[in-house]
Amino acid sequence: MNDSRQTDYGKIEITSEALAAMAGAAAVRCFGIVGMVPRGLRQGVTEILGGDVLSRGVEVNQDGSEVKIDLWVVMCYGVNIGEVAHNVMETVRYEIERMTGLRTIEVNVNVTGVKVFK
């Protein structure tokens, strides 16, 4: 579903794919996040996504001007998972609301794995 607004200058549409890309980019900028993984990856974290495929680790549900976002992330070993997840939630909510004006009512962070760096 797209959010569509009519202005004096024309029509503005914000797609779920655009919201997913914004949310994914905001999430990976947070401390403690290694990357995004596709939803439902069952055989372990074999593919950490970066660059232009960040939206594959994000699911967006739009209902008018309200947005619900689910993120699937991999975190660094040794970080406080609760604090990092809370930081991701706040960062994603702020960025979506700042860039689009849509109300973000829910951001869920699903930690699918922890990466150990040697």
N, C-alpha and C. Protein backbone atom coordinates (compact mmCIF):
# COMPACT_ATOMS: atom_id res chain seq x y z
N MET A 1 0.85 -1.17 0.00
CA MET A 1 0.00 0.00 0.00
C MET A 1 0.89 1.23 0.00
N ASN A 2 0.52 2.24 -0.75
CA ASN A 2 1.28 3.48 -0.84
C ASN A 2 0.55 4.59 -0.10
N ASP A 3 1.35 5.50 0.46
CA ASP A 3 0.77 6.71 1.03
C ASP A 3 0.73 7.74 -0.09
N SER A 4 -0.41 8.31 -0.34
CA SER A 4 -0.57 9.26 -1.43
C SER A 4 -1.15 10.56 -0.88
N ARG A 5 -0.52 11.67 -1.27
CA ARG A 5 -0.98 12.99 -0.85
C ARG A 5 -1.06 13.92 -2.05
N GLN A 6 -2.09 14.71 -2.06
CA GLN A 6 -2.26 15.70 -3.12
C GLN A 6 -1.84 17.06 -2.57
N THR A 7 -0.97 17.74 -3.30
CA THR A 7 -0.54 19.08 -2.91
C THR A 7 -0.89 20.05 -4.02
N ASP A 8 -0.60 21.32 -3.81
CA ASP A 8 -0.83 22.33 -4.85
C ASP A 8 0.04 22.08 -6.07
N TYR A 9 1.16 21.39 -5.88
CA TYR A 9 2.11 21.16 -6.96
C TYR A 9 1.91 19.82 -7.66
N GLY A 10 1.14 18.94 -7.07
CA GLY A 10 0.91 17.63 -7.67
C GLY A 10 0.72 16.57 -6.61
N LYS A 11 0.86 15.31 -7.04
CA LYS A 11 0.62 14.16 -6.17
C LYS A 11 1.95 13.59 -5.67
N ILE A 12 2.01 13.23 -4.38
CA ILE A 12 3.20 12.61 -3.79
C ILE A 12 2.81 11.22 -3.33
N GLU A 13 3.59 10.21 -3.77
CA GLU A 13 3.36 8.84 -3.34
C GLU A 13 4.62 8.31 -2.67
N ILE A 14 4.46 7.68 -1.52
CA ILE A 14 5.58 7.05 -0.81
C ILE A 14 5.29 5.56 -0.77
N THR A 15 6.12 4.78 -1.43
CA THR A 15 5.90 3.34 -1.51
C THR A 15 6.49 2.62 -0.30
N SER A 16 6.03 1.42 -0.08
CA SER A 16 6.56 0.58 0.99
C SER A 16 8.03 0.26 0.75
N GLU A 17 8.42 0.12 -0.51
CA GLU A 17 9.81 -0.17 -0.84
C GLU A 17 10.72 1.01 -0.45
N ALA A 18 10.25 2.22 -0.65
CA ALA A 18 11.03 3.40 -0.26
C ALA A 18 11.16 3.47 1.26
N LEU A 19 10.07 3.18 1.97
CA LEU A 19 10.12 3.18 3.43
C LEU A 19 11.06 2.10 3.94
N ALA A 20 11.05 0.93 3.30
CA ALA A 20 11.93 -0.16 3.71
C ALA A 20 13.39 0.21 3.52
N ALA A 21 13.70 0.87 2.41
CA ALA A 21 15.08 1.29 2.17
C ALA A 21 15.52 2.33 3.20
N MET A 22 14.65 3.27 3.55
CA MET A 22 14.97 4.27 4.57
C MET A 22 15.21 3.62 5.93
N ALA A 23 14.34 2.69 6.29
CA ALA A 23 14.44 2.02 7.59
C ALA A 23 15.71 1.16 7.65
N GLY A 24 16.02 0.45 6.59
CA GLY A 24 17.23 -0.38 6.56
C GLY A 24 18.49 0.45 6.66
N ALA A 25 18.52 1.56 5.94
CA ALA A 25 19.70 2.44 5.99
C ALA A 25 19.87 3.04 7.38
N ALA A 26 18.78 3.43 8.02
CA ALA A 26 18.86 4.00 9.37
C ALA A 26 19.33 2.94 10.36
N ALA A 27 18.88 1.72 10.21
CA ALA A 27 19.23 0.65 11.15
C ALA A 27 20.72 0.31 11.10
N VAL A 28 21.28 0.18 9.91
CA VAL A 28 22.68 -0.24 9.82
C VAL A 28 23.65 0.87 10.23
N ARG A 29 23.17 2.10 10.33
CA ARG A 29 24.02 3.18 10.84
C ARG A 29 24.16 3.14 12.36
N CYS A 30 23.35 2.34 13.03
CA CYS A 30 23.38 2.27 14.49
C CYS A 30 24.55 1.42 14.97
N PHE A 31 25.14 1.83 16.08
CA PHE A 31 26.24 1.09 16.70
C PHE A 31 25.75 -0.30 17.09
N GLY A 32 26.57 -1.31 16.81
CA GLY A 32 26.25 -2.66 17.21
C GLY A 32 25.57 -3.50 16.14
N ILE A 33 25.12 -2.87 15.07
CA ILE A 33 24.45 -3.60 13.98
C ILE A 33 25.50 -3.97 12.93
N VAL A 34 25.59 -5.27 12.62
CA VAL A 34 26.50 -5.75 11.59
C VAL A 34 25.85 -5.64 10.22
N GLY A 35 24.56 -6.00 10.14
CA GLY A 35 23.87 -5.94 8.86
C GLY A 35 22.44 -6.44 8.99
N MET A 36 21.79 -6.50 7.85
CA MET A 36 20.40 -6.95 7.76
C MET A 36 20.40 -8.33 7.10
N VAL A 37 19.42 -9.14 7.46
CA VAL A 37 19.28 -10.46 6.83
C VAL A 37 17.84 -10.62 6.35
N PRO A 38 17.64 -11.42 5.31
CA PRO A 38 16.27 -11.62 4.82
C PRO A 38 15.41 -12.29 5.88
N ARG A 39 14.16 -11.95 5.90
CA ARG A 39 13.21 -12.56 6.84
C ARG A 39 13.07 -14.04 6.54
N GLY A 40 13.05 -14.84 7.60
CA GLY A 40 12.83 -16.26 7.42
C GLY A 40 14.05 -17.06 7.02
N LEU A 41 15.23 -16.49 7.17
CA LEU A 41 16.44 -17.24 6.85
C LEU A 41 16.60 -18.35 7.89
N ARG A 42 16.41 -19.59 7.48
CA ARG A 42 16.32 -20.70 8.44
C ARG A 42 17.65 -21.39 8.70
N GLN A 43 18.58 -21.33 7.81
CA GLN A 43 19.80 -22.12 7.96
C GLN A 43 20.94 -21.28 8.53
N GLY A 44 20.63 -20.45 9.50
CA GLY A 44 21.66 -19.62 10.10
C GLY A 44 21.87 -18.34 9.32
N VAL A 45 22.70 -17.54 9.85
CA VAL A 45 22.96 -16.25 9.22
C VAL A 45 24.08 -16.45 8.22
N THR A 46 23.72 -16.78 7.00
CA THR A 46 24.71 -17.04 5.96
C THR A 46 24.89 -15.86 5.04
N GLU A 47 23.97 -14.93 5.10
CA GLU A 47 24.01 -13.81 4.16
C GLU A 47 23.69 -12.52 4.91
N ILE A 48 24.73 -11.73 5.15
CA ILE A 48 24.51 -10.41 5.74
C ILE A 48 24.46 -9.42 4.59
N LEU A 49 23.37 -8.69 4.54
CA LEU A 49 23.14 -7.81 3.40
C LEU A 49 23.69 -6.42 3.65
N GLY A 50 24.13 -5.80 2.60
CA GLY A 50 24.60 -4.42 2.69
C GLY A 50 24.29 -3.70 1.40
N GLY A 51 24.58 -2.42 1.37
CA GLY A 51 24.40 -1.65 0.15
C GLY A 51 22.96 -1.52 -0.26
N ASP A 52 22.68 -1.87 -1.50
CA ASP A 52 21.36 -1.62 -2.08
C ASP A 52 20.31 -2.67 -1.71
N VAL A 53 20.65 -3.69 -0.95
CA VAL A 53 19.69 -4.72 -0.61
C VAL A 53 19.25 -4.64 0.86
N LEU A 54 19.43 -3.52 1.50
CA LEU A 54 19.05 -3.35 2.90
C LEU A 54 17.57 -3.55 3.11
N SER A 55 16.77 -3.25 2.12
CA SER A 55 15.32 -3.35 2.29
C SER A 55 14.85 -4.80 2.39
N ARG A 56 15.68 -5.79 2.04
CA ARG A 56 15.27 -7.19 2.15
C ARG A 56 15.17 -7.64 3.60
N GLY A 57 15.79 -6.95 4.52
CA GLY A 57 15.69 -7.29 5.93
C GLY A 57 14.62 -6.48 6.64
N VAL A 58 13.72 -5.87 5.87
CA VAL A 58 12.71 -4.98 6.43
C VAL A 58 11.34 -5.33 5.87
N GLU A 59 10.34 -5.33 6.73
CA GLU A 59 8.95 -5.49 6.29
C GLU A 59 8.17 -4.27 6.76
N VAL A 60 7.45 -3.65 5.85
CA VAL A 60 6.69 -2.43 6.15
C VAL A 60 5.21 -2.70 5.93
N ASN A 61 4.39 -2.30 6.90
CA ASN A 61 2.94 -2.36 6.77
C ASN A 61 2.40 -0.95 6.94
N GLN A 62 1.75 -0.44 5.90
CA GLN A 62 1.18 0.90 5.92
C GLN A 62 -0.32 0.83 6.05
N ASP A 63 -0.87 1.72 6.86
CA ASP A 63 -2.31 1.88 6.97
C ASP A 63 -2.57 3.37 6.97
N GLY A 64 -2.78 3.91 5.79
CA GLY A 64 -2.95 5.36 5.66
C GLY A 64 -1.65 6.06 5.98
N SER A 65 -1.67 6.92 7.01
CA SER A 65 -0.46 7.66 7.37
C SER A 65 0.25 7.02 8.56
N GLU A 66 -0.13 5.78 8.91
CA GLU A 66 0.54 5.06 9.99
C GLU A 66 1.36 3.92 9.43
N VAL A 67 2.54 3.71 10.03
CA VAL A 67 3.48 2.71 9.52
C VAL A 67 3.92 1.79 10.64
N LYS A 68 3.98 0.49 10.34
CA LYS A 68 4.57 -0.51 11.23
C LYS A 68 5.77 -1.11 10.51
N ILE A 69 6.89 -1.23 11.20
CA ILE A 69 8.12 -1.70 10.58
C ILE A 69 8.69 -2.87 11.38
N ASP A 70 9.07 -3.94 10.68
CA ASP A 70 9.77 -5.07 11.28
C ASP A 70 11.15 -5.16 10.64
N LEU A 71 12.19 -5.29 11.48
CA LEU A 71 13.58 -5.37 11.01
C LEU A 71 14.18 -6.69 11.45
N TRP A 72 14.99 -7.31 10.59
CA TRP A 72 15.74 -8.52 10.92
C TRP A 72 17.21 -8.17 10.82
N VAL A 73 17.90 -8.22 11.97
CA VAL A 73 19.28 -7.73 12.03
C VAL A 73 20.22 -8.77 12.63
N VAL A 74 21.52 -8.56 12.37
CA VAL A 74 22.61 -9.30 13.02
C VAL A 74 23.39 -8.28 13.82
N MET A 75 23.68 -8.62 15.08
CA MET A 75 24.41 -7.70 15.96
C MET A 75 25.82 -8.21 16.21
N CYS A 76 26.68 -7.30 16.68
CA CYS A 76 28.05 -7.63 17.08
C CYS A 76 28.02 -8.39 18.40
N TYR A 77 28.94 -9.30 18.57
CA TYR A 77 29.08 -10.01 19.83
C TYR A 77 29.57 -9.03 20.89
N GLY A 78 28.99 -9.10 22.08
CA GLY A 78 29.46 -8.30 23.20
C GLY A 78 28.67 -7.03 23.47
N VAL A 79 27.77 -6.66 22.57
CA VAL A 79 26.96 -5.46 22.80
C VAL A 79 25.75 -5.82 23.64
N ASN A 80 25.19 -4.84 24.30
CA ASN A 80 23.95 -5.03 25.05
C ASN A 80 22.81 -5.06 24.04
N ILE A 81 22.26 -6.23 23.80
CA ILE A 81 21.26 -6.42 22.74
C ILE A 81 20.04 -5.54 22.97
N GLY A 82 19.58 -5.44 24.21
CA GLY A 82 18.41 -4.62 24.51
C GLY A 82 18.64 -3.14 24.21
N GLU A 83 19.81 -2.63 24.59
CA GLU A 83 20.12 -1.22 24.35
C GLU A 83 20.28 -0.93 22.86
N VAL A 84 20.96 -1.81 22.14
CA VAL A 84 21.14 -1.61 20.70
C VAL A 84 19.78 -1.68 19.99
N ALA A 85 18.94 -2.64 20.36
CA ALA A 85 17.61 -2.76 19.75
C ALA A 85 16.78 -1.51 20.02
N HIS A 86 16.84 -1.00 21.24
CA HIS A 86 16.11 0.23 21.58
C HIS A 86 16.62 1.40 20.75
N ASN A 87 17.93 1.51 20.59
CA ASN A 87 18.52 2.57 19.77
C ASN A 87 18.08 2.46 18.32
N VAL A 88 18.03 1.25 17.79
CA VAL A 88 17.57 1.03 16.42
C VAL A 88 16.12 1.46 16.27
N MET A 89 15.28 1.09 17.23
CA MET A 89 13.86 1.47 17.18
C MET A 89 13.69 2.98 17.13
N GLU A 90 14.38 3.68 18.02
CA GLU A 90 14.26 5.14 18.08
C GLU A 90 14.82 5.80 16.83
N THR A 91 15.95 5.31 16.33
CA THR A 91 16.56 5.89 15.13
C THR A 91 15.68 5.70 13.91
N VAL A 92 15.15 4.50 13.73
CA VAL A 92 14.29 4.22 12.57
C VAL A 92 13.02 5.05 12.66
N ARG A 93 12.41 5.10 13.83
CA ARG A 93 11.18 5.90 14.01
C ARG A 93 11.44 7.37 13.67
N TYR A 94 12.53 7.93 14.19
CA TYR A 94 12.86 9.33 13.95
C TYR A 94 13.09 9.60 12.46
N GLU A 95 13.89 8.74 11.82
CA GLU A 95 14.22 8.97 10.40
C GLU A 95 12.99 8.87 9.50
N ILE A 96 12.13 7.89 9.73
CA ILE A 96 10.92 7.75 8.91
C ILE A 96 10.01 8.95 9.09
N GLU A 97 9.80 9.36 10.34
CA GLU A 97 8.91 10.50 10.59
C GLU A 97 9.51 11.80 10.06
N ARG A 98 10.83 11.95 10.17
CA ARG A 98 11.48 13.18 9.68
C ARG A 98 11.44 13.26 8.15
N MET A 99 11.69 12.16 7.48
CA MET A 99 11.78 12.18 6.02
C MET A 99 10.44 12.15 5.32
N THR A 100 9.42 11.54 5.94
CA THR A 100 8.16 11.36 5.23
C THR A 100 6.97 12.06 5.87
N GLY A 101 7.04 12.33 7.16
CA GLY A 101 5.89 12.91 7.84
C GLY A 101 4.86 11.87 8.25
N LEU A 102 5.13 10.59 7.96
CA LEU A 102 4.23 9.52 8.36
C LEU A 102 4.43 9.19 9.84
N ARG A 103 3.40 8.75 10.49
CA ARG A 103 3.47 8.39 11.92
C ARG A 103 3.89 6.93 12.04
N THR A 104 5.03 6.71 12.68
CA THR A 104 5.54 5.36 12.89
C THR A 104 5.00 4.86 14.22
N ILE A 105 4.06 3.92 14.17
CA ILE A 105 3.41 3.47 15.40
C ILE A 105 4.09 2.26 16.02
N GLU A 106 4.92 1.56 15.23
CA GLU A 106 5.56 0.36 15.77
C GLU A 106 6.83 0.06 14.99
N VAL A 107 7.92 -0.21 15.71
CA VAL A 107 9.17 -0.69 15.11
C VAL A 107 9.60 -1.91 15.90
N ASN A 108 9.66 -3.06 15.24
CA ASN A 108 10.07 -4.31 15.89
C ASN A 108 11.43 -4.72 15.37
N VAL A 109 12.35 -5.05 16.30
CA VAL A 109 13.69 -5.48 15.93
C VAL A 109 13.81 -6.97 16.26
N ASN A 110 14.07 -7.77 15.24
CA ASN A 110 14.26 -9.21 15.40
C ASN A 110 15.74 -9.52 15.23
N VAL A 111 16.39 -9.96 16.28
CA VAL A 111 17.82 -10.28 16.22
C VAL A 111 17.94 -11.73 15.78
N THR A 112 18.46 -11.94 14.58
CA THR A 112 18.56 -13.28 14.01
C THR A 112 19.91 -13.92 14.25
N GLY A 113 20.87 -13.13 14.72
CA GLY A 113 22.18 -13.71 14.97
C GLY A 113 23.13 -12.70 15.59
N VAL A 114 24.25 -13.24 16.06
CA VAL A 114 25.33 -12.43 16.63
C VAL A 114 26.60 -12.82 15.93
N LYS A 115 27.35 -11.83 15.45
CA LYS A 115 28.59 -12.10 14.73
C LYS A 115 29.78 -11.84 15.64
N VAL A 116 30.68 -12.81 15.70
CA VAL A 116 31.91 -12.70 16.48
C VAL A 116 33.04 -12.29 15.54
N PHE A 117 33.73 -11.23 15.90
CA PHE A 117 34.88 -10.77 15.11
C PHE A 117 36.15 -11.22 15.81
N LYS A 118 37.08 -11.78 15.07
CA LYS A 118 38.34 -12.26 15.65
C LYS A 118 39.41 -11.22 15.58
